[in-house]
C-alpha atoms as a PDB file:
ATOM      1  CA  MET A   1     -51.047  65.587 145.037  1.00  0.00           C
ATOM      2  CA  GLU A   2     -48.021  64.227 143.192  1.00  0.00           C
ATOM      3  CA  PHE A   3     -44.669  65.964 143.658  1.00  0.00           C
ATOM      4  CA  LYS A   4     -40.946  65.560 143.052  1.00  0.00           C
ATOM      5  CA  GLU A   5     -38.038  66.239 145.400  1.00  0.00           C
ATOM      6  CA  PHE A   6     -34.513  67.349 144.539  1.00  0.00           C
ATOM      7  CA  GLY A   7     -31.475  68.061 146.717  1.00  0.00           C
ATOM      8  CA  ASP A   8     -31.129  68.202 150.466  1.00  0.00           C
ATOM      9  CA  GLY A   9     -30.063  71.717 151.433  1.00  0.00           C
ATOM     10  CA  ASP A  10     -30.893  73.416 154.700  1.00  0.00           C
ATOM     11  CA  GLU A  11     -33.496  75.601 152.984  1.00  0.00           C
ATOM     12  CA  LEU A  12     -36.503  74.433 151.005  1.00  0.00           C
ATOM     13  CA  LEU A  13     -37.741  75.953 147.751  1.00  0.00           C
ATOM     14  CA  LEU A  14     -41.379  75.203 146.929  1.00  0.00           C
ATOM     15  CA  PHE A  15     -42.053  75.822 143.222  1.00  0.00           C
ATOM     16  CA  LEU A  16     -45.700  76.239 142.167  1.00  0.00           C
ATOM     17  CA  HIS A  17     -46.357  76.129 138.422  1.00  0.00           C
ATOM     18  CA  GLY A  18     -48.923  78.011 136.354  1.00  0.00           C
ATOM     19  CA  GLY A  19     -52.237  76.854 134.977  1.00  0.00           C
ATOM     20  CA  GLY A  20     -52.143  74.529 131.981  1.00  0.00           C
ATOM     21  CA  VAL A  21     -48.610  73.266 132.602  1.00  0.00           C
ATOM     22  CA  SER A  22     -47.083  71.236 135.429  1.00  0.00           C
ATOM     23  CA  SER A  23     -43.882  70.826 137.433  1.00  0.00           C
ATOM     24  CA  TRP A  24     -41.711  70.268 134.340  1.00  0.00           C
ATOM     25  CA  MET A  25     -41.693  74.048 133.826  1.00  0.00           C
ATOM     26  CA  TRP A  26     -39.170  74.352 136.690  1.00  0.00           C
ATOM     27  CA  GLU A  27     -36.470  72.187 135.050  1.00  0.00           C
ATOM     28  CA  SER A  28     -34.030  75.089 134.699  1.00  0.00           C
ATOM     29  CA  GLN A  29     -34.540  76.185 138.291  1.00  0.00           C
ATOM     30  CA  ILE A  30     -34.015  72.669 139.648  1.00  0.00           C
ATOM     31  CA  ASN A  31     -30.709  72.424 137.792  1.00  0.00           C
ATOM     32  CA  TYR A  32     -29.624  75.889 138.966  1.00  0.00           C
ATOM     33  CA  PHE A  33     -30.522  75.637 142.661  1.00  0.00           C
ATOM     34  CA  LYS A  34     -28.813  72.355 143.470  1.00  0.00           C
ATOM     35  CA  ASP A  35     -27.785  73.487 146.955  1.00  0.00           C
ATOM     36  CA  TYR A  36     -31.407  73.690 148.103  1.00  0.00           C
ATOM     37  CA  ARG A  37     -34.126  71.162 148.832  1.00  0.00           C
ATOM     38  CA  CYS A  38     -36.480  71.737 145.898  1.00  0.00           C
ATOM     39  CA  ILE A  39     -40.100  70.550 145.853  1.00  0.00           C
ATOM     40  CA  THR A  40     -42.111  70.701 142.622  1.00  0.00           C
ATOM     41  CA  PRO A  41     -45.750  69.590 142.991  1.00  0.00           C
ATOM     42  CA  ASP A  42     -48.171  68.958 140.183  1.00  0.00           C
ATOM     43  CA  LEU A  43     -51.114  71.051 141.358  1.00  0.00           C
ATOM     44  CA  PRO A  44     -54.571  69.392 141.306  1.00  0.00           C
ATOM     45  CA  GLY A  45     -55.906  69.070 137.777  1.00  0.00           C
ATOM     46  CA  HIS A  46     -52.406  69.203 136.264  1.00  0.00           C
ATOM     47  CA  GLY A  47     -49.761  66.692 135.197  1.00  0.00           C
ATOM     48  CA  ALA A  48     -49.573  63.621 137.427  1.00  0.00           C
ATOM     49  CA  SER A  49     -52.341  65.129 139.611  1.00  0.00           C
ATOM     50  CA  SER A  50     -54.764  65.571 136.693  1.00  0.00           C
ATOM     51  CA  ASP A  51     -57.322  63.225 138.280  1.00  0.00           C
ATOM     52  CA  GLU A  52     -57.768  65.573 141.277  1.00  0.00           C
ATOM     53  CA  LEU A  53     -60.301  68.381 141.099  1.00  0.00           C
ATOM     54  CA  PHE A  54     -58.783  71.821 141.524  1.00  0.00           C
ATOM     55  CA  SER A  55     -59.890  74.279 144.178  1.00  0.00           C
ATOM     56  CA  MET A  56     -57.834  76.905 145.961  1.00  0.00           C
ATOM     57  CA  LYS A  57     -58.904  75.631 149.376  1.00  0.00           C
ATOM     58  CA  TYR A  58     -57.992  71.995 148.684  1.00  0.00           C
ATOM     59  CA  THR A  59     -54.711  72.949 146.997  1.00  0.00           C
ATOM     60  CA  VAL A  60     -53.546  75.122 149.892  1.00  0.00           C
ATOM     61  CA  GLU A  61     -54.535  72.581 152.535  1.00  0.00           C
ATOM     62  CA  THR A  62     -52.726  69.808 150.684  1.00  0.00           C
ATOM     63  CA  LEU A  63     -49.561  71.878 150.288  1.00  0.00           C
ATOM     64  CA  TRP A  64     -49.467  72.686 154.013  1.00  0.00           C
ATOM     65  CA  SER A  65     -49.732  68.982 154.801  1.00  0.00           C
ATOM     66  CA  LEU A  66     -46.990  68.219 152.284  1.00  0.00           C
ATOM     67  CA  LEU A  67     -44.555  70.753 153.755  1.00  0.00           C
ATOM     68  CA  GLU A  68     -45.214  69.693 157.312  1.00  0.00           C
ATOM     69  CA  HIS A  69     -44.665  66.055 156.400  1.00  0.00           C
ATOM     70  CA  ILE A  70     -41.496  66.240 154.303  1.00  0.00           C
ATOM     71  CA  ALA A  71     -39.635  69.246 155.703  1.00  0.00           C
ATOM     72  CA  PRO A  72     -40.938  70.351 159.113  1.00  0.00           C
ATOM     73  CA  ASN A  73     -37.562  71.597 160.332  1.00  0.00           C
ATOM     74  CA  LYS A  74     -36.282  73.448 157.261  1.00  0.00           C
ATOM     75  CA  LYS A  75     -36.576  77.108 156.338  1.00  0.00           C
ATOM     76  CA  TRP A  76     -39.273  77.432 153.699  1.00  0.00           C
ATOM     77  CA  ASN A  77     -39.224  79.669 150.610  1.00  0.00           C
ATOM     78  CA  ILE A  78     -41.965  79.789 147.988  1.00  0.00           C
ATOM     79  CA  ILE A  79     -41.867  80.571 144.264  1.00  0.00           C
ATOM     80  CA  GLY A  80     -45.130  80.821 142.360  1.00  0.00           C
ATOM     81  CA  PHE A  81     -45.960  81.572 138.741  1.00  0.00           C
ATOM     82  CA  SER A  82     -49.380  82.766 137.509  1.00  0.00           C
ATOM     83  CA  LEU A  83     -51.950  80.384 139.079  1.00  0.00           C
ATOM     84  CA  GLY A  84     -49.165  79.134 141.347  1.00  0.00           C
ATOM     85  CA  SER A  85     -48.446  82.694 142.461  1.00  0.00           C
ATOM     86  CA  GLN A  86     -52.065  83.078 143.556  1.00  0.00           C
ATOM     87  CA  VAL A  87     -51.767  79.856 145.558  1.00  0.00           C
ATOM     88  CA  ALA A  88     -48.547  81.193 147.100  1.00  0.00           C
ATOM     89  CA  LEU A  89     -50.198  84.475 148.131  1.00  0.00           C
ATOM     90  CA  GLN A  90     -53.087  82.592 149.695  1.00  0.00           C
ATOM     91  CA  MET A  91     -50.694  80.411 151.695  1.00  0.00           C
ATOM     92  CA  ILE A  92     -48.694  83.428 152.921  1.00  0.00           C
ATOM     93  CA  SER A  93     -51.917  85.153 153.942  1.00  0.00           C
ATOM     94  CA  GLU A  94     -52.930  82.151 156.046  1.00  0.00           C
ATOM     95  CA  ARG A  95     -49.544  81.799 157.742  1.00  0.00           C
ATOM     96  CA  PRO A  96     -47.670  85.106 157.401  1.00  0.00           C
ATOM     97  CA  ASN A  97     -44.469  83.828 159.019  1.00  0.00           C
ATOM     98  CA  ALA A  98     -44.284  80.398 157.367  1.00  0.00           C
ATOM     99  CA  PHE A  99     -42.046  81.451 154.461  1.00  0.00           C
ATOM    100  CA  LYS A 100     -38.740  83.270 154.738  1.00  0.00           C
ATOM    101  CA  ARG A 101     -38.871  84.568 151.152  1.00  0.00           C
ATOM    102  CA  ALA A 102     -41.405  84.593 148.329  1.00  0.00           C
ATOM    103  CA  MET A 103     -40.936  85.202 144.604  1.00  0.00           C
ATOM    104  CA  ILE A 104     -44.342  85.978 143.105  1.00  0.00           C
ATOM    105  CA  ASN A 105     -44.426  85.950 139.307  1.00  0.00           C
ATOM    106  CA  SER A 106     -47.195  87.222 137.016  1.00  0.00           C
ATOM    107  CA  SER A 107     -49.918  87.235 139.654  1.00  0.00           C
ATOM    108  CA  LEU A 108     -53.382  88.455 138.661  1.00  0.00           C
ATOM    109  CA  ILE A 109     -55.026  90.016 141.730  1.00  0.00           C
ATOM    110  CA  ILE A 110     -57.729  92.078 139.995  1.00  0.00           C
ATOM    111  CA  PRO A 111     -60.943  89.994 139.714  1.00  0.00           C
ATOM    112  CA  GLN A 112     -62.513  89.762 136.272  1.00  0.00           C
ATOM    113  CA  LYS A 113     -66.224  89.187 136.863  1.00  0.00           C
ATOM    114  CA  ILE A 114     -67.331  89.664 133.257  1.00  0.00           C
ATOM    115  CA  MET A 115     -64.639  87.377 131.850  1.00  0.00           C
ATOM    116  CA  LYS A 116     -65.551  84.751 134.458  1.00  0.00           C
ATOM    117  CA  MET A 117     -69.159  84.722 133.192  1.00  0.00           C
ATOM    118  CA  PHE A 118     -67.973  83.574 129.765  1.00  0.00           C
ATOM    119  CA  VAL A 119     -65.604  80.815 130.941  1.00  0.00           C
ATOM    120  CA  THR A 120     -68.062  77.916 130.895  1.00  0.00           C
ATOM    121  CA  PRO A 121     -69.638  78.547 127.456  1.00  0.00           C
ATOM    122  CA  THR A 122     -66.256  79.356 125.924  1.00  0.00           C
ATOM    123  CA  ILE A 123     -64.629  76.164 127.223  1.00  0.00           C
ATOM    124  CA  TYR A 124     -67.570  74.039 126.074  1.00  0.00           C
ATOM    125  CA  LEU A 125     -67.055  75.436 122.571  1.00  0.00           C
ATOM    126  CA  THR A 126     -63.258  75.260 122.430  1.00  0.00           C
ATOM    127  CA  TYR A 127     -62.415  72.216 124.563  1.00  0.00           C
ATOM    128  CA  PRO A 128     -62.404  69.748 121.623  1.00  0.00           C
ATOM    129  CA  LEU A 129     -59.676  71.840 119.981  1.00  0.00           C
ATOM    130  CA  ILE A 130     -57.099  71.402 122.734  1.00  0.00           C
ATOM    131  CA  ARG A 131     -56.230  67.887 121.579  1.00  0.00           C
ATOM    132  CA  LYS A 132     -55.461  69.115 118.063  1.00  0.00           C
ATOM    133  CA  LYS A 133     -51.719  69.713 117.732  1.00  0.00           C
ATOM    134  CA  LYS A 134     -52.015  72.676 115.384  1.00  0.00           C
ATOM    135  CA  PHE A 135     -54.245  74.476 117.856  1.00  0.00           C
ATOM    136  CA  ALA A 136     -51.990  73.470 120.772  1.00  0.00           C
ATOM    137  CA  LYS A 137     -48.934  74.833 118.953  1.00  0.00           C
ATOM    138  CA  LEU A 138     -50.665  78.169 118.428  1.00  0.00           C
ATOM    139  CA  GLN A 139     -51.560  78.280 122.120  1.00  0.00           C
ATOM    140  CA  ALA A 140     -48.040  77.306 123.120  1.00  0.00           C
ATOM    141  CA  LYS A 141     -46.548  80.079 121.008  1.00  0.00           C
ATOM    142  CA  THR A 142     -48.940  82.608 122.536  1.00  0.00           C
ATOM    143  CA  ILE A 143     -47.802  81.817 126.087  1.00  0.00           C
ATOM    144  CA  GLY A 144     -44.112  81.419 125.292  1.00  0.00           C
ATOM    145  CA  ILE A 145     -43.745  77.623 125.332  1.00  0.00           C
ATOM    146  CA  SER A 146     -40.755  76.768 123.147  1.00  0.00           C
ATOM    147  CA  ASP A 147     -40.419  73.679 120.939  1.00  0.00           C
ATOM    148  CA  THR A 148     -38.197  72.173 123.658  1.00  0.00           C
ATOM    149  CA  TYR A 149     -41.169  71.898 126.016  1.00  0.00           C
ATOM    150  CA  PHE A 150     -44.036  71.573 123.553  1.00  0.00           C
ATOM    151  CA  GLU A 151     -44.577  67.821 123.899  1.00  0.00           C
ATOM    152  CA  LYS A 152     -44.767  68.104 127.702  1.00  0.00           C
ATOM    153  CA  TYR A 153     -47.165  71.019 127.385  1.00  0.00           C
ATOM    154  CA  TYR A 154     -49.279  69.136 124.847  1.00  0.00           C
ATOM    155  CA  LEU A 155     -49.495  66.066 127.099  1.00  0.00           C
ATOM    156  CA  ASP A 156     -50.601  68.204 130.035  1.00  0.00           C
ATOM    157  CA  THR A 157     -53.190  69.910 127.849  1.00  0.00           C
ATOM    158  CA  CYS A 158     -54.621  66.610 126.676  1.00  0.00           C
ATOM    159  CA  ASN A 159     -54.816  65.237 130.219  1.00  0.00           C
ATOM    160  CA  MET A 160     -56.695  68.191 131.698  1.00  0.00           C
ATOM    161  CA  SER A 161     -60.414  67.570 132.022  1.00  0.00           C
ATOM    162  CA  ARG A 162     -62.958  70.103 130.864  1.00  0.00           C
ATOM    163  CA  GLU A 163     -64.276  70.410 134.420  1.00  0.00           C
ATOM    164  CA  ASN A 164     -60.849  71.199 135.802  1.00  0.00           C
ATOM    165  CA  LEU A 165     -60.119  73.705 133.051  1.00  0.00           C
ATOM    166  CA  ILE A 166     -63.318  75.556 133.920  1.00  0.00           C
ATOM    167  CA  ARG A 167     -62.572  75.396 137.644  1.00  0.00           C
ATOM    168  CA  ILE A 168     -59.017  76.673 137.214  1.00  0.00           C
ATOM    169  CA  LEU A 169     -59.990  79.565 134.968  1.00  0.00           C
ATOM    170  CA  LYS A 170     -62.806  80.644 137.287  1.00  0.00           C
ATOM    171  CA  GLU A 171     -60.549  80.518 140.363  1.00  0.00           C
ATOM    172  CA  ASN A 172     -57.856  82.460 138.508  1.00  0.00           C
ATOM    173  CA  LEU A 173     -60.267  85.178 137.364  1.00  0.00           C
ATOM    174  CA  SER A 174     -61.903  85.431 140.819  1.00  0.00           C
ATOM    175  CA  PHE A 175     -58.729  85.803 142.850  1.00  0.00           C
ATOM    176  CA  THR A 176     -58.420  88.875 145.041  1.00  0.00           C
ATOM    177  CA  LEU A 177     -55.500  90.056 147.108  1.00  0.00           C
ATOM    178  CA  PRO A 178     -55.817  88.200 150.424  1.00  0.00           C
ATOM    179  CA  PRO A 179     -55.410  89.933 153.793  1.00  0.00           C
ATOM    180  CA  ASN A 180     -52.488  89.668 156.230  1.00  0.00           C
ATOM    181  CA  LEU A 181     -49.675  89.784 153.657  1.00  0.00           C
ATOM    182  CA  ALA A 182     -48.007  92.597 155.560  1.00  0.00           C
ATOM    183  CA  ASN A 183     -48.411  90.919 158.951  1.00  0.00           C
ATOM    184  CA  GLY A 184     -45.403  88.611 158.708  1.00  0.00           C
ATOM    185  CA  ASN A 185     -41.698  88.728 157.967  1.00  0.00           C
ATOM    186  CA  THR A 186     -41.751  87.225 154.467  1.00  0.00           C
ATOM    187  CA  GLN A 187     -39.379  88.999 152.097  1.00  0.00           C
ATOM    188  CA  PHE A 188     -41.181  89.501 148.776  1.00  0.00           C
ATOM    189  CA  LEU A 189     -40.023  89.843 145.200  1.00  0.00           C
ATOM    190  CA  PHE A 190     -42.755  90.478 142.614  1.00  0.00           C
ATOM    191  CA  THR A 191     -42.027  90.089 138.898  1.00  0.00           C
ATOM    192  CA  ILE A 192     -43.831  90.395 135.583  1.00  0.00           C
ATOM    193  CA  GLY A 193     -42.747  90.199 131.966  1.00  0.00           C
ATOM    194  CA  GLU A 194     -42.214  93.450 130.092  1.00  0.00           C
ATOM    195  CA  ASN A 195     -44.792  92.468 127.458  1.00  0.00           C
ATOM    196  CA  GLU A 196     -47.559  91.343 129.801  1.00  0.00           C
ATOM    197  CA  ASN A 197     -51.042  92.798 129.551  1.00  0.00           C
ATOM    198  CA  TRP A 198     -52.503  95.818 131.315  1.00  0.00           C
ATOM    199  CA  LEU A 199     -54.125  93.750 134.070  1.00  0.00           C
ATOM    200  CA  MET A 200     -50.804  92.216 135.088  1.00  0.00           C
ATOM    201  CA  LYS A 201     -49.168  95.632 135.139  1.00  0.00           C
ATOM    202  CA  GLN A 202     -51.936  96.990 137.349  1.00  0.00           C
ATOM    203  CA  SER A 203     -51.674  93.950 139.605  1.00  0.00           C
ATOM    204  CA  ILE A 204     -47.965  94.406 140.250  1.00  0.00           C
ATOM    205  CA  LYS A 205     -48.565  98.070 141.080  1.00  0.00           C
ATOM    206  CA  LYS A 206     -50.936  96.946 143.831  1.00  0.00           C
ATOM    207  CA  LEU A 207     -48.378  94.424 145.086  1.00  0.00           C
ATOM    208  CA  ALA A 208     -45.533  96.942 145.164  1.00  0.00           C
ATOM    209  CA  SER A 209     -46.409  98.097 148.676  1.00  0.00           C
ATOM    210  CA  PHE A 210     -45.437  94.667 150.022  1.00  0.00           C
ATOM    211  CA  GLY A 211     -41.963  94.334 148.497  1.00  0.00           C
ATOM    212  CA  ARG A 212     -39.585  94.837 145.618  1.00  0.00           C
ATOM    213  CA  THR A 213     -40.890  94.668 142.048  1.00  0.00           C
ATOM    214  CA  VAL A 214     -38.988  93.809 138.864  1.00  0.00           C
ATOM    215  CA  THR A 215     -40.035  93.847 135.216  1.00  0.00           C
ATOM    216  CA  ILE A 216     -38.189  91.168 133.232  1.00  0.00           C
ATOM    217  CA  GLU A 217     -37.325  92.552 129.806  1.00  0.00           C
ATOM    218  CA  ASN A 218     -38.307  91.110 126.421  1.00  0.00           C
ATOM    219  CA  VAL A 219     -40.739  88.485 127.731  1.00  0.00           C
ATOM    220  CA  GLY A 220     -44.484  88.121 128.107  1.00  0.00           C
ATOM    221  CA  HIS A 221     -46.476  85.955 130.474  1.00  0.00           C
ATOM    222  CA  ASN A 222     -43.954  83.156 130.972  1.00  0.00           C
ATOM    223  CA  ALA A 223     -40.693  84.595 132.285  1.00  0.00           C
ATOM    224  CA  PRO A 224     -39.509  81.396 134.051  1.00  0.00           C
ATOM    225  CA  LEU A 225     -39.395  79.677 130.642  1.00  0.00           C
ATOM    226  CA  GLU A 226     -38.798  82.569 128.237  1.00  0.00           C
ATOM    227  CA  ASN A 227     -35.879  84.114 130.131  1.00  0.00           C
ATOM    228  CA  GLN A 228     -34.591  81.436 132.468  1.00  0.00           C
ATOM    229  CA  GLN A 229     -31.244  83.147 133.049  1.00  0.00           C
ATOM    230  CA  SER A 230     -32.724  86.411 134.318  1.00  0.00           C
ATOM    231  CA  PHE A 231     -35.354  84.610 136.349  1.00  0.00           C
ATOM    232  CA  ASN A 232     -32.796  82.376 138.054  1.00  0.00           C
ATOM    233  CA  GLN A 233     -30.496  85.289 138.795  1.00  0.00           C
ATOM    234  CA  LEU A 234     -33.328  87.267 140.376  1.00  0.00           C
ATOM    235  CA  LEU A 235     -34.282  84.332 142.568  1.00  0.00           C
ATOM    236  CA  ASP A 236     -30.638  83.745 143.479  1.00  0.00           C
ATOM    237  CA  GLU A 237     -30.336  87.375 144.586  1.00  0.00           C
ATOM    238  CA  LEU A 238     -33.469  87.080 146.706  1.00  0.00           C
ATOM    239  CA  LEU A 239     -32.179  83.935 148.395  1.00  0.00           C
ATOM    240  CA  SER A 240     -28.862  85.596 149.213  1.00  0.00           C
ATOM    241  CA  TYR A 241     -30.472  88.195 151.477  1.00  0.00           C
END
């Protein structure tokens, strides 16, 4: 798993990106949190790790090894968006006291069995379109990718294999709330965008029993990019506790 490191503060921030993008999505956060040690991996199947096959199990195991190797003596905090938020929840479930704080953004925790059934045939039909810029621009607009980041998004899209796209979507749609989240001392902040869909709004209601929840106004499913200022301020407040 490829990753980048920034800063050398006493506390570590592990940023886990969403599906279909890669670590570049955290550019604003890296610039804002300069007093922390920031780690931004490219999850398997994405970015510089596009040649690795994605699975939740492999991803979590690799991230544990990464943290233990590069920062065994620092306080760990985790920030996950969408697919990355599911990875974060799985990691916290496995080691409830590993992370001091967790910011969980746009996390789907309600399995979608019917939608999962249609993933493979749908991707086989639509996969050739992802390398067409007009189609990619429509997709980018739908998920809140601005022109500033479009070329990076388009490159990631073109580099993702059909097999990985199917794997990632199936894992995302199968994810259920893991056990043990309440067994540790992790301080949680759960966020969604105001304009997210019904499933995301139901998911955050289920997560509310574990910590504070915030709805970020005037954004959809991409708050870290669509409203960087509010997102950074919320994370800054969490880290100050």
